């Protein structure tokens, strides 16, 4: 029996434990674990990369995913620091399962911390500033003449939608232009 890479062995174990919806593992040992219910603002993704020499080398842990755009930067850093400290304690063994369990156990605390941070930042922004802003940009629609409005209405219809088939191509006309090859 051939000696198996410990990264590949751990990847197989994690695939057997977790669903593909929650944990994705790429061929180059990049893992993405989704914590919380998908589509909610309390969910987030933690990315773990196993470098060469893992588990004797610390994995690279990141939360720099577009999915996490709703989480403040200081909370992302705090979560990452806690995961790195847990990883340092488990160095030398397969520690990704431990990291995932740590995330599950502390999920409520993490979501409360970024919910509280959002409230704090919104309260800071809600106080009126001492210098009043005179100019506020409003969404201004372009000024159209009556004729332009009429053409626009004729083209879009009463519901503001393009009519069915507005971008259809006439097959016969298309074949006449390309020529027949038979």
C-alpha atoms as a PDB file:
ATOM      1  CA  UNK A   1       0.000   0.000   0.000  1.00  0.00           C
ATOM      2  CA  UNK A   2       1.380   3.395  -1.003  1.00  0.00           C
ATOM      3  CA  UNK A   3       2.049   6.111   1.543  1.00  0.00           C
ATOM      4  CA  UNK A   4      -0.800   8.605   1.310  1.00  0.00           C
ATOM      5  CA  UNK A   5      -0.365  12.349   1.650  1.00  0.00           C
ATOM      6  CA  UNK A   6      -1.831  13.411   5.039  1.00  0.00           C
ATOM      7  CA  UNK A   7      -3.628  16.269   3.299  1.00  0.00           C
ATOM      8  CA  UNK A   8      -5.378  13.893   0.906  1.00  0.00           C
ATOM      9  CA  UNK A   9      -6.257  11.561   3.767  1.00  0.00           C
ATOM     10  CA  UNK A  10      -7.814  14.391   5.796  1.00  0.00           C
ATOM     11  CA  UNK A  11      -9.658  15.662   2.728  1.00  0.00           C
ATOM     12  CA  UNK A  12     -11.254  12.247   2.241  1.00  0.00           C
ATOM     13  CA  UNK A  13     -12.296  12.099   5.892  1.00  0.00           C
ATOM     14  CA  UNK A  14     -13.813  15.592   5.783  1.00  0.00           C
ATOM     15  CA  UNK A  15     -15.682  14.807   2.547  1.00  0.00           C
ATOM     16  CA  UNK A  16     -17.231  11.777   4.225  1.00  0.00           C
ATOM     17  CA  UNK A  17     -18.326  13.815   7.267  1.00  0.00           C
ATOM     18  CA  UNK A  18     -19.668  17.046   5.711  1.00  0.00           C
ATOM     19  CA  UNK A  19     -22.045  17.799   2.827  1.00  0.00           C
ATOM     20  CA  UNK A  20     -20.767  19.452  -0.337  1.00  0.00           C
ATOM     21  CA  UNK A  21     -23.126  22.377   0.344  1.00  0.00           C
ATOM     22  CA  UNK A  22     -21.267  23.186   3.559  1.00  0.00           C
ATOM     23  CA  UNK A  23     -17.686  22.161   2.799  1.00  0.00           C
ATOM     24  CA  UNK A  24     -15.907  22.354  -0.548  1.00  0.00           C
ATOM     25  CA  UNK A  25     -12.384  21.045  -1.016  1.00  0.00           C
ATOM     26  CA  UNK A  26     -10.445  21.789  -4.202  1.00  0.00           C
ATOM     27  CA  UNK A  27      -7.633  19.693  -5.653  1.00  0.00           C
ATOM     28  CA  UNK A  28      -4.999  22.142  -4.430  1.00  0.00           C
ATOM     29  CA  UNK A  29      -6.258  21.753  -0.826  1.00  0.00           C
ATOM     30  CA  UNK A  30      -8.240  24.967  -0.543  1.00  0.00           C
ATOM     31  CA  UNK A  31     -11.214  24.415   1.758  1.00  0.00           C
ATOM     32  CA  UNK A  32     -14.269  26.607   2.161  1.00  0.00           C
ATOM     33  CA  UNK A  33     -16.563  25.929   5.092  1.00  0.00           C
ATOM     34  CA  UNK A  34     -19.908  27.729   5.265  1.00  0.00           C
ATOM     35  CA  UNK A  35     -21.052  28.458   8.812  1.00  0.00           C
ATOM     36  CA  UNK A  36     -24.744  29.156   9.408  1.00  0.00           C
ATOM     37  CA  UNK A  37     -27.769  29.024   7.123  1.00  0.00           C
ATOM     38  CA  UNK A  38     -27.032  29.900   3.516  1.00  0.00           C
ATOM     39  CA  UNK A  39     -28.460  33.198   2.330  1.00  0.00           C
ATOM     40  CA  UNK A  40     -28.764  34.792   5.775  1.00  0.00           C
ATOM     41  CA  UNK A  41     -26.702  37.697   7.062  1.00  0.00           C
ATOM     42  CA  UNK A  42     -25.554  35.587   9.988  1.00  0.00           C
ATOM     43  CA  UNK A  43     -23.748  33.092   7.752  1.00  0.00           C
ATOM     44  CA  UNK A  44     -20.135  33.369   6.670  1.00  0.00           C
ATOM     45  CA  UNK A  45     -17.403  31.386   4.922  1.00  0.00           C
ATOM     46  CA  UNK A  46     -14.023  30.466   6.354  1.00  0.00           C
ATOM     47  CA  UNK A  47     -11.293  29.524   3.897  1.00  0.00           C
ATOM     48  CA  UNK A  48      -8.495  27.168   4.948  1.00  0.00           C
ATOM     49  CA  UNK A  49      -5.478  26.305   2.800  1.00  0.00           C
ATOM     50  CA  UNK A  50      -3.241  23.372   3.656  1.00  0.00           C
ATOM     51  CA  UNK A  51       0.316  24.204   2.566  1.00  0.00           C
ATOM     52  CA  UNK A  52       2.978  21.608   1.789  1.00  0.00           C
ATOM     53  CA  UNK A  53       4.063  19.992   5.060  1.00  0.00           C
ATOM     54  CA  UNK A  54       0.626  20.175   6.671  1.00  0.00           C
ATOM     55  CA  UNK A  55      -0.223  19.151   9.497  1.00  0.00           C
ATOM     56  CA  UNK A  56       3.213  20.083  10.853  1.00  0.00           C
ATOM     57  CA  UNK A  57       2.804  23.539   9.266  1.00  0.00           C
ATOM     58  CA  UNK A  58       0.004  25.918  10.203  1.00  0.00           C
ATOM     59  CA  UNK A  59      -2.779  26.137   7.639  1.00  0.00           C
ATOM     60  CA  UNK A  60      -3.561  29.524   6.096  1.00  0.00           C
ATOM     61  CA  UNK A  61      -6.921  30.705   7.450  1.00  0.00           C
ATOM     62  CA  UNK A  62      -8.805  33.519   5.742  1.00  0.00           C
ATOM     63  CA  UNK A  63     -12.214  35.156   5.640  1.00  0.00           C
ATOM     64  CA  UNK A  64     -11.493  37.256   2.530  1.00  0.00           C
ATOM     65  CA  UNK A  65     -14.470  36.053   0.534  1.00  0.00           C
ATOM     66  CA  UNK A  66     -17.064  38.205  -1.171  1.00  0.00           C
ATOM     67  CA  UNK A  67     -19.692  36.182   0.683  1.00  0.00           C
ATOM     68  CA  UNK A  68     -18.397  37.796   3.905  1.00  0.00           C
ATOM     69  CA  UNK A  69     -18.835  41.397   2.739  1.00  0.00           C
ATOM     70  CA  UNK A  70     -21.436  42.039   5.454  1.00  0.00           C
ATOM     71  CA  UNK A  71     -18.991  41.281   8.272  1.00  0.00           C
ATOM     72  CA  UNK A  72     -16.862  44.178   9.591  1.00  0.00           C
ATOM     73  CA  UNK A  73     -13.106  43.834   9.111  1.00  0.00           C
ATOM     74  CA  UNK A  74     -12.281  43.838  12.835  1.00  0.00           C
ATOM     75  CA  UNK A  75     -14.669  40.911  13.442  1.00  0.00           C
ATOM     76  CA  UNK A  76     -13.116  38.965  10.546  1.00  0.00           C
ATOM     77  CA  UNK A  77      -9.668  39.534  12.044  1.00  0.00           C
ATOM     78  CA  UNK A  78     -10.882  38.475  15.494  1.00  0.00           C
ATOM     79  CA  UNK A  79     -12.370  35.212  14.172  1.00  0.00           C
ATOM     80  CA  UNK A  80      -9.217  34.496  12.154  1.00  0.00           C
ATOM     81  CA  UNK A  81      -6.967  35.150  15.162  1.00  0.00           C
ATOM     82  CA  UNK A  82      -9.001  32.782  17.335  1.00  0.00           C
ATOM     83  CA  UNK A  83      -8.847  30.061  14.694  1.00  0.00           C
ATOM     84  CA  UNK A  84      -5.080  30.491  14.306  1.00  0.00           C
ATOM     85  CA  UNK A  85      -4.619  30.156  18.088  1.00  0.00           C
ATOM     86  CA  UNK A  86      -6.701  26.950  18.084  1.00  0.00           C
ATOM     87  CA  UNK A  87      -4.621  25.683  15.144  1.00  0.00           C
ATOM     88  CA  UNK A  88      -1.371  26.408  17.006  1.00  0.00           C
ATOM     89  CA  UNK A  89      -2.601  24.305  19.923  1.00  0.00           C
ATOM     90  CA  UNK A  90      -3.379  21.363  17.606  1.00  0.00           C
ATOM     91  CA  UNK A  91      -0.246  21.642  15.442  1.00  0.00           C
ATOM     92  CA  UNK A  92       1.078  18.269  14.304  1.00  0.00           C
ATOM     93  CA  UNK A  93      -2.316  16.609  13.990  1.00  0.00           C
ATOM     94  CA  UNK A  94      -5.216  16.834  11.557  1.00  0.00           C
ATOM     95  CA  UNK A  95      -6.822  19.972  12.905  1.00  0.00           C
ATOM     96  CA  UNK A  96      -9.383  21.106  10.338  1.00  0.00           C
ATOM     97  CA  UNK A  97     -12.200  19.149  11.977  1.00  0.00           C
ATOM     98  CA  UNK A  98     -11.285  20.815  15.290  1.00  0.00           C
ATOM     99  CA  UNK A  99     -11.425  24.241  13.627  1.00  0.00           C
ATOM    100  CA  UNK A 100     -14.860  23.495  12.162  1.00  0.00           C
ATOM    101  CA  UNK A 101     -16.157  22.293  15.524  1.00  0.00           C
ATOM    102  CA  UNK A 102     -14.763  25.447  17.149  1.00  0.00           C
ATOM    103  CA  UNK A 103     -16.633  27.536  14.586  1.00  0.00           C
ATOM    104  CA  UNK A 104     -19.859  25.643  15.260  1.00  0.00           C
ATOM    105  CA  UNK A 105     -19.518  26.009  19.042  1.00  0.00           C
ATOM    106  CA  UNK A 106     -18.801  29.743  18.885  1.00  0.00           C
ATOM    107  CA  UNK A 107     -21.159  30.576  15.999  1.00  0.00           C
ATOM    108  CA  UNK A 108     -23.637  32.427  18.241  1.00  0.00           C
ATOM    109  CA  UNK A 109     -20.881  34.536  19.803  1.00  0.00           C
ATOM    110  CA  UNK A 110     -19.403  35.394  16.406  1.00  0.00           C
ATOM    111  CA  UNK A 111     -22.754  36.405  14.916  1.00  0.00           C
ATOM    112  CA  UNK A 112     -23.585  38.509  17.974  1.00  0.00           C
ATOM    113  CA  UNK A 113     -20.230  40.271  17.735  1.00  0.00           C
ATOM    114  CA  UNK A 114     -20.690  41.352  14.126  1.00  0.00           C
ATOM    115  CA  UNK A 115     -24.349  42.213  14.733  1.00  0.00           C
ATOM    116  CA  UNK A 116     -23.297  44.430  17.678  1.00  0.00           C
ATOM    117  CA  UNK A 117     -20.525  45.963  15.596  1.00  0.00           C
ATOM    118  CA  UNK A 118     -23.017  46.816  12.843  1.00  0.00           C
ATOM    119  CA  UNK A 119     -25.266  48.527  15.404  1.00  0.00           C
ATOM    120  CA  UNK A 120     -22.314  50.502  16.755  1.00  0.00           C
ATOM    121  CA  UNK A 121     -21.274  51.715  13.323  1.00  0.00           C
ATOM    122  CA  UNK A 122     -24.829  52.619  12.385  1.00  0.00           C
ATOM    123  CA  UNK A 123     -25.227  54.598  15.621  1.00  0.00           C
ATOM    124  CA  UNK A 124     -22.026  56.470  14.889  1.00  0.00           C
ATOM    125  CA  UNK A 125     -23.335  57.352  11.450  1.00  0.00           C
ATOM    126  CA  UNK A 126     -26.777  58.344  12.739  1.00  0.00           C
ATOM    127  CA  UNK A 127     -25.535  61.292  14.788  1.00  0.00           C
ATOM    128  CA  UNK A 128     -25.863  64.552  12.903  1.00  0.00           C
ATOM    129  CA  UNK A 129     -22.541  66.016  11.927  1.00  0.00           C
ATOM    130  CA  UNK A 130     -21.618  69.488  13.044  1.00  0.00           C
ATOM    131  CA  UNK A 131     -21.091  70.665   9.483  1.00  0.00           C
ATOM    132  CA  UNK A 132     -24.350  70.292   7.614  1.00  0.00           C
ATOM    133  CA  UNK A 133     -24.052  68.931   4.133  1.00  0.00           C
ATOM    134  CA  UNK A 134     -25.755  71.338   1.789  1.00  0.00           C
ATOM    135  CA  UNK A 135     -25.751  69.337  -1.397  1.00  0.00           C
ATOM    136  CA  UNK A 136     -27.379  65.939  -1.421  1.00  0.00           C
ATOM    137  CA  UNK A 137     -27.370  64.004  -4.625  1.00  0.00           C
ATOM    138  CA  UNK A 138     -30.731  62.752  -5.729  1.00  0.00           C
ATOM    139  CA  UNK A 139     -31.444  60.373  -8.503  1.00  0.00           C
ATOM    140  CA  UNK A 140     -32.538  62.710 -11.254  1.00  0.00           C
ATOM    141  CA  UNK A 141     -34.213  61.292 -14.290  1.00  0.00           C
ATOM    142  CA  UNK A 142     -33.202  62.775 -17.625  1.00  0.00           C
ATOM    143  CA  UNK A 143     -35.603  65.396 -18.949  1.00  0.00           C
ATOM    144  CA  UNK A 144     -37.389  63.934 -21.954  1.00  0.00           C
ATOM    145  CA  UNK A 145     -39.562  65.755 -24.425  1.00  0.00           C
ATOM    146  CA  UNK A 146     -43.134  64.593 -25.075  1.00  0.00           C
ATOM    147  CA  UNK A 147     -42.065  63.004 -28.347  1.00  0.00           C
ATOM    148  CA  UNK A 148     -39.219  61.103 -26.655  1.00  0.00           C
ATOM    149  CA  UNK A 149     -41.590  59.883 -23.950  1.00  0.00           C
ATOM    150  CA  UNK A 150     -44.085  58.748 -26.578  1.00  0.00           C
ATOM    151  CA  UNK A 151     -41.429  56.775 -28.497  1.00  0.00           C
ATOM    152  CA  UNK A 152     -40.216  55.227 -25.274  1.00  0.00           C
ATOM    153  CA  UNK A 153     -43.752  54.187 -24.334  1.00  0.00           C
ATOM    154  CA  UNK A 154     -44.411  52.781 -27.828  1.00  0.00           C
ATOM    155  CA  UNK A 155     -41.261  50.699 -27.712  1.00  0.00           C
ATOM    156  CA  UNK A 156     -41.715  49.358 -24.154  1.00  0.00           C
ATOM    157  CA  UNK A 157     -45.496  49.111 -23.944  1.00  0.00           C
ATOM    158  CA  UNK A 158     -47.773  50.023 -21.060  1.00  0.00           C
ATOM    159  CA  UNK A 159     -46.099  47.720 -18.523  1.00  0.00           C
ATOM    160  CA  UNK A 160     -42.626  49.119 -19.161  1.00  0.00           C
ATOM    161  CA  UNK A 161     -41.446  45.818 -20.600  1.00  0.00           C
ATOM    162  CA  UNK A 162     -40.191  44.982 -24.041  1.00  0.00           C
ATOM    163  CA  UNK A 163     -42.718  43.045 -26.146  1.00  0.00           C
ATOM    164  CA  UNK A 164     -42.333  39.310 -26.594  1.00  0.00           C
ATOM    165  CA  UNK A 165     -39.992  38.476 -29.448  1.00  0.00           C
ATOM    166  CA  UNK A 166     -38.348  41.888 -29.752  1.00  0.00           C
ATOM    167  CA  UNK A 167     -34.938  40.253 -30.252  1.00  0.00           C
ATOM    168  CA  UNK A 168     -35.976  37.247 -32.338  1.00  0.00           C
ATOM    169  CA  UNK A 169     -34.141  36.554 -35.561  1.00  0.00           C
ATOM    170  CA  UNK A 170     -35.956  35.615 -38.745  1.00  0.00           C
ATOM    171  CA  UNK A 171     -34.555  32.230 -39.705  1.00  0.00           C
ATOM    172  CA  UNK A 172     -35.461  32.640 -43.378  1.00  0.00           C
ATOM    173  CA  UNK A 173     -33.835  36.056 -43.624  1.00  0.00           C
ATOM    174  CA  UNK A 174     -30.739  34.754 -41.831  1.00  0.00           C
ATOM    175  CA  UNK A 175     -30.401  31.794 -44.199  1.00  0.00           C
ATOM    176  CA  UNK A 176     -30.815  34.082 -47.228  1.00  0.00           C
ATOM    177  CA  UNK A 177     -27.948  36.251 -45.978  1.00  0.00           C
ATOM    178  CA  UNK A 178     -25.565  33.370 -45.282  1.00  0.00           C
ATOM    179  CA  UNK A 179     -26.305  31.525 -48.496  1.00  0.00           C
ATOM    180  CA  UNK A 180     -27.118  27.906 -48.909  1.00  0.00           C
ATOM    181  CA  UNK A 181     -24.322  25.332 -48.822  1.00  0.00           C
ATOM    182  CA  UNK A 182     -26.282  22.473 -50.434  1.00  0.00           C
END
